[in-house]
Protein backbone atom coordinates (compact mmCIF):
# COMPACT_ATOMS: atom_id res chain seq x y z
CA UNK A 1 111.97 115.02 64.01
CA UNK A 2 114.17 111.89 64.05
CA UNK A 3 111.23 109.48 63.86
CA UNK A 4 108.44 107.90 65.86
CA UNK A 5 109.28 105.35 68.54
CA UNK A 6 107.25 103.14 70.85
CA UNK A 7 108.73 102.09 74.20
CA UNK A 8 107.19 99.09 75.97
CA UNK A 9 108.33 99.73 79.53
CA UNK A 10 108.78 97.25 82.32
CA UNK A 11 110.31 98.17 85.69
CA UNK A 12 113.74 99.58 86.53
CA UNK A 13 115.79 102.42 85.04
CA UNK A 14 116.13 101.01 81.54
CA UNK A 15 112.87 102.53 80.18
CA UNK A 16 113.50 106.05 81.48
CA UNK A 17 117.04 106.05 80.10
CA UNK A 18 115.86 105.01 76.64
CA UNK A 19 113.00 107.52 76.81
CA UNK A 20 115.28 110.44 77.76
CA UNK A 21 117.88 109.56 75.12
CA UNK A 22 115.23 109.20 72.42
CA UNK A 23 113.77 112.60 73.32
CA UNK A 24 117.25 114.16 73.16
CA UNK A 25 117.50 112.82 69.63
CA UNK A 26 114.11 114.35 68.77
CA UNK A 27 112.05 111.17 68.51
CA UNK A 28 108.29 111.26 69.03
CA UNK A 29 107.94 108.78 71.92
CA UNK A 30 104.84 106.72 72.66
CA UNK A 31 105.23 105.02 76.04
CA UNK A 32 103.40 101.82 76.98
CA UNK A 33 103.84 101.18 80.71
CA UNK A 34 103.12 97.57 81.67
CA UNK A 35 104.32 97.95 85.26
CA UNK A 36 101.49 99.45 87.32
CA UNK A 37 104.04 101.12 89.63
CA UNK A 38 105.78 103.05 86.85
CA UNK A 39 106.97 106.55 87.89
CA UNK A 40 104.62 109.43 87.01
CA UNK A 41 107.56 111.36 85.50
CA UNK A 42 107.67 108.91 82.58
CA UNK A 43 104.33 110.20 81.31
CA UNK A 44 105.57 113.77 81.53
CA UNK A 45 108.60 113.03 79.33
CA UNK A 46 106.87 110.90 76.70
CA UNK A 47 104.77 112.56 74.01
CA UNK A 48 101.93 110.14 74.74
CA UNK A 49 101.64 107.46 77.40
CA UNK A 50 99.40 104.48 78.07
CA UNK A 51 99.25 102.07 80.99
CA UNK A 52 98.03 98.59 80.14
CA UNK A 53 98.24 95.08 81.54
CA UNK A 54 100.87 92.82 80.04
CA UNK A 55 98.23 90.48 78.64
CA UNK A 56 96.44 93.22 76.63
CA UNK A 57 98.56 92.91 73.48
CA UNK A 58 95.76 93.94 71.13
CA UNK A 59 95.31 97.17 73.10
CA UNK A 60 99.03 97.87 72.80
CA UNK A 61 98.86 97.36 69.04
CA UNK A 62 95.84 99.67 68.75
CA UNK A 63 97.61 102.40 70.77
CA UNK A 64 100.72 102.19 68.58
CA UNK A 65 98.70 102.30 65.38
CA UNK A 66 96.73 105.30 66.60
CA UNK A 67 99.99 107.21 66.97
CA UNK A 68 101.52 105.88 63.72
CA UNK A 69 104.26 103.93 65.47
CA UNK A 70 105.91 101.16 63.43
CA UNK A 71 108.97 100.49 65.60
CA UNK A 72 109.23 99.73 69.31
CA UNK A 73 111.84 99.06 71.95
CA UNK A 74 111.23 96.64 74.81
CA UNK A 75 112.94 98.01 77.91
CA UNK A 76 112.87 97.07 81.58
CA UNK A 77 112.20 94.06 83.75
CA UNK A 78 109.17 91.83 83.45
CA UNK A 79 108.67 89.31 86.22
CA UNK A 80 108.36 85.92 84.46
CA UNK A 81 105.98 84.74 87.18
CA UNK A 82 103.63 87.58 86.32
CA UNK A 83 103.96 86.79 82.62
CA UNK A 84 102.94 83.17 83.14
CA UNK A 85 99.93 84.23 85.22
CA UNK A 86 98.74 86.73 82.60
CA UNK A 87 99.07 84.13 79.84
CA UNK A 88 96.47 82.06 81.69
CA UNK A 89 94.13 85.06 81.77
CA UNK A 90 94.37 85.94 78.06
CA UNK A 91 92.71 83.83 75.37
CA UNK A 92 95.01 85.38 72.74
CA UNK A 93 98.18 84.56 74.70
CA UNK A 94 96.92 81.04 75.41
CA UNK A 95 96.41 80.59 71.68
CA UNK A 96 99.84 82.01 70.79
CA UNK A 97 101.65 79.86 73.36
CA UNK A 98 99.74 76.66 72.66
CA UNK A 99 102.27 75.45 70.10
CA UNK A 100 105.43 76.41 72.00
CA UNK A 101 107.76 73.56 72.88
CA UNK A 102 108.59 75.25 76.18
CA UNK A 103 107.72 78.44 77.99
CA UNK A 104 111.09 79.70 79.12
CA UNK A 105 111.33 83.52 79.26
CA UNK A 106 113.28 83.97 76.01
CA UNK A 107 110.79 81.84 74.09
CA UNK A 108 107.80 83.75 75.44
CA UNK A 109 109.33 87.12 74.58
CA UNK A 110 110.33 85.91 71.11
CA UNK A 111 106.72 84.85 70.59
CA UNK A 112 105.55 88.37 71.45
CA UNK A 113 108.10 89.89 69.07
CA UNK A 114 106.91 87.67 66.25
CA UNK A 115 103.31 88.70 66.90
CA UNK A 116 104.17 92.42 66.90
CA UNK A 117 106.10 92.11 63.66
CA UNK A 118 103.19 90.29 62.01
CA UNK A 119 101.14 93.38 62.89
CA UNK A 120 103.66 95.57 61.03
CA UNK A 121 105.47 96.84 64.15
CA UNK A 122 109.19 96.16 64.20
CA UNK A 123 110.96 95.46 67.49
CA UNK A 124 114.38 97.13 67.39
CA UNK A 125 117.65 96.83 69.34
CA UNK A 126 117.93 99.46 72.13
CA UNK A 127 121.75 99.46 72.05
CA UNK A 128 121.81 102.72 70.06
CA UNK A 129 120.36 104.53 73.08
CA UNK A 130 122.51 102.98 75.83
CA UNK A 131 126.04 102.65 74.42
CA UNK A 132 127.53 104.95 77.07
CA UNK A 133 126.34 102.58 79.81
CA UNK A 134 128.52 99.71 78.63
CA UNK A 135 131.78 99.02 80.50
CA UNK A 136 135.12 97.83 79.21
CA UNK A 137 136.92 95.05 81.10
CA UNK A 138 138.52 95.83 84.44
CA UNK A 139 137.99 96.33 88.16
CA UNK A 140 135.50 99.16 88.69
CA UNK A 141 135.86 99.48 92.47
CA UNK A 142 138.95 100.58 94.36
CA UNK A 143 141.83 98.23 95.06
CA UNK A 144 143.03 94.98 93.57
CA UNK A 145 140.97 91.83 93.20
CA UNK A 146 142.40 89.05 95.40
CA UNK A 147 143.71 86.00 93.56
CA UNK A 148 141.13 83.77 95.24
CA UNK A 149 138.28 85.91 93.84
CA UNK A 150 139.76 85.73 90.35
CA UNK A 151 139.91 81.95 90.77
CA UNK A 152 136.22 81.91 91.75
CA UNK A 153 135.35 83.91 88.63
CA UNK A 154 137.35 81.61 86.36
CA UNK A 155 135.65 78.62 87.98
CA UNK A 156 132.14 79.99 87.70
CA UNK A 157 132.26 81.73 84.32
CA UNK A 158 131.87 78.67 82.04
CA UNK A 159 129.14 77.27 84.29
CA UNK A 160 127.29 80.60 84.16
CA UNK A 161 127.64 80.61 80.37
CA UNK A 162 126.15 77.12 80.11
CA UNK A 163 123.21 78.03 82.37
CA UNK A 164 122.56 81.19 80.35
CA UNK A 165 122.74 79.41 77.01
CA UNK A 166 120.27 76.80 78.26
CA UNK A 167 117.96 79.71 79.22
CA UNK A 168 117.93 78.54 82.82
CA UNK A 169 119.16 81.85 84.22
CA UNK A 170 121.83 84.46 83.62
CA UNK A 171 123.12 84.83 87.17
CA UNK A 172 125.22 82.25 89.00
CA UNK A 173 126.36 82.39 92.63
CA UNK A 174 129.58 80.62 93.61
CA UNK A 175 131.69 80.33 96.74
CA UNK A 176 134.71 78.19 97.52
CA UNK A 177 134.52 76.85 93.94
CA UNK A 178 131.06 75.44 94.50
CA UNK A 179 127.83 76.45 92.80
CA UNK A 180 125.59 77.96 95.47
CA UNK A 181 122.61 79.18 93.41
CA UNK A 182 121.44 79.57 89.83
CA UNK A 183 118.91 82.20 88.81
CA UNK A 184 115.38 80.97 88.35
CA UNK A 185 112.09 82.82 87.98
CA UNK A 186 112.89 85.07 90.93
CA UNK A 187 115.43 87.22 89.03
CA UNK A 188 118.97 88.38 89.74
CA UNK A 189 118.47 90.28 93.00
CA UNK A 190 116.56 87.51 94.76
CA UNK A 191 119.06 84.94 93.48
CA UNK A 192 121.88 86.91 95.09
CA UNK A 193 120.00 87.18 98.37
CA UNK A 194 119.27 83.45 98.27
CA UNK A 195 122.96 82.80 97.70
CA UNK A 196 123.78 84.83 100.79
CA UNK A 197 121.26 82.90 102.87
CA UNK A 198 122.73 79.61 101.69
CA UNK A 199 126.45 80.38 101.85
CA UNK A 200 126.89 83.49 103.98
CA UNK A 201 129.10 86.46 103.16
CA UNK A 202 131.79 86.44 100.50
CA UNK A 203 129.74 85.03 97.60
CA UNK A 204 130.64 85.79 93.99
CA UNK A 205 127.71 86.72 91.74
CA UNK A 206 128.42 86.22 88.03
CA UNK A 207 126.02 87.65 85.47
CA UNK A 208 126.42 87.33 81.73
CA UNK A 209 124.59 87.20 78.43
CA UNK A 210 123.69 84.21 76.36
CA UNK A 211 126.20 83.41 73.62
CA UNK A 212 123.50 84.36 71.12
CA UNK A 213 121.69 87.05 73.04
CA UNK A 214 118.89 88.73 71.13
CA UNK A 215 119.26 92.23 72.56
CA UNK A 216 115.98 93.34 70.98
CA UNK A 217 114.01 91.27 73.44
CA UNK A 218 116.18 90.68 76.47
CA UNK A 219 119.20 92.74 77.53
CA UNK A 220 120.63 91.77 80.95
CA UNK A 221 121.79 94.67 83.10
CA UNK A 222 123.34 95.47 86.48
CA UNK A 223 123.00 98.53 88.68
CA UNK A 224 122.62 99.92 92.17
CA UNK A 225 119.88 97.40 93.02
CA UNK A 226 122.29 94.57 92.18
CA UNK A 227 124.82 95.98 94.64
CA UNK A 228 122.12 96.46 97.28
CA UNK A 229 121.18 92.80 96.96
CA UNK A 230 124.83 91.86 97.56
CA UNK A 231 124.84 94.06 100.67
CA UNK A 232 121.71 92.22 101.85
CA UNK A 233 123.52 88.94 101.19
CA UNK A 234 126.39 89.92 103.47
CA UNK A 235 128.78 91.25 100.85
CA UNK A 236 130.95 89.72 98.19
CA UNK A 237 131.81 90.25 94.53
CA UNK A 238 129.78 91.20 91.47
CA UNK A 239 131.21 90.10 88.13
CA UNK A 240 129.38 90.93 84.90
CA UNK A 241 130.13 90.65 81.21
CA UNK A 242 131.95 93.65 79.79
CA UNK A 243 130.76 95.53 76.69
CA UNK A 244 127.50 93.56 76.55
CA UNK A 245 125.27 94.70 79.39
CA UNK A 246 124.49 98.19 80.66
CA UNK A 247 125.48 99.35 84.13
CA UNK A 248 122.73 101.63 85.46
CA UNK A 249 123.16 104.11 88.35
CA UNK A 250 126.92 103.50 88.11
CA UNK A 251 128.04 106.26 90.48
CA UNK A 252 125.60 105.21 93.20
CA UNK A 253 126.45 101.54 92.73
CA UNK A 254 130.21 102.12 93.00
CA UNK A 255 129.79 104.37 96.02
CA UNK A 256 127.72 101.70 97.78
CA UNK A 257 130.17 98.97 96.79
CA UNK A 258 133.19 100.84 98.13
CA UNK A 259 131.36 101.67 101.37
CA UNK A 260 130.56 97.98 101.98
CA UNK A 261 133.76 96.36 100.70
CA UNK A 262 132.10 94.89 97.62
CA UNK A 263 134.26 94.24 94.57
CA UNK A 264 132.81 94.92 91.09
CA UNK A 265 134.52 93.41 88.07
CA UNK A 266 133.65 93.90 84.41
CA UNK A 267 134.95 90.69 82.90
CA UNK A 268 135.72 89.67 79.35
CA UNK A 269 136.05 85.96 78.63
């Protein structure tokens, strides 16, 4: 057996991909599902599984200790709005966050990591399990990217980087060399839809990592749902950072993009 691994699973395809890859490599996998709508199949693949509310950190620790787990991966989406609500309901989380200078998502997750590691449970980088999902730079959909779209990307990229590094949001929507929307608590998909409502079709969605992204606690990703949100927004372009964020459901996403005239670019600054 390769080792014993805990997976703290939010929503999306990230957790199931890590789980399947870890099982292929003969890890004993203890799954903690914090999304109440997690697929039943996850429990069938994991060696042991446990559903618990996000605020029940002490129960998570007890479950991991019971199964002799001393390393975990955090995988999947956690709605920041839900996180803030559960902090208010947990005396432990209220105590842990009392001294924080701010409660932006990265700071809250880093606080959780520090707490886990004080309990003797190391939070590790998931990159080892998802390397094949990373894309090199280039146009992933058919055809050439029009010069005007490349101009929009060059305009928006440094602004998106600044917003990400300030931990405001990691998705920026631009059109006609104007900022249309910046990601807030609603997440990438809703930001894209909001951009479409504000500016109509033809928006450019740019998603990238922070300059100093801690991939143990927060790894941005794109996938079929990202493309579907662009379709809902009336179509446009998706540009994401190459080699640094996974592209889930790639075949489905590219098929949808080509069918709706959406351009997907993996960009390297």
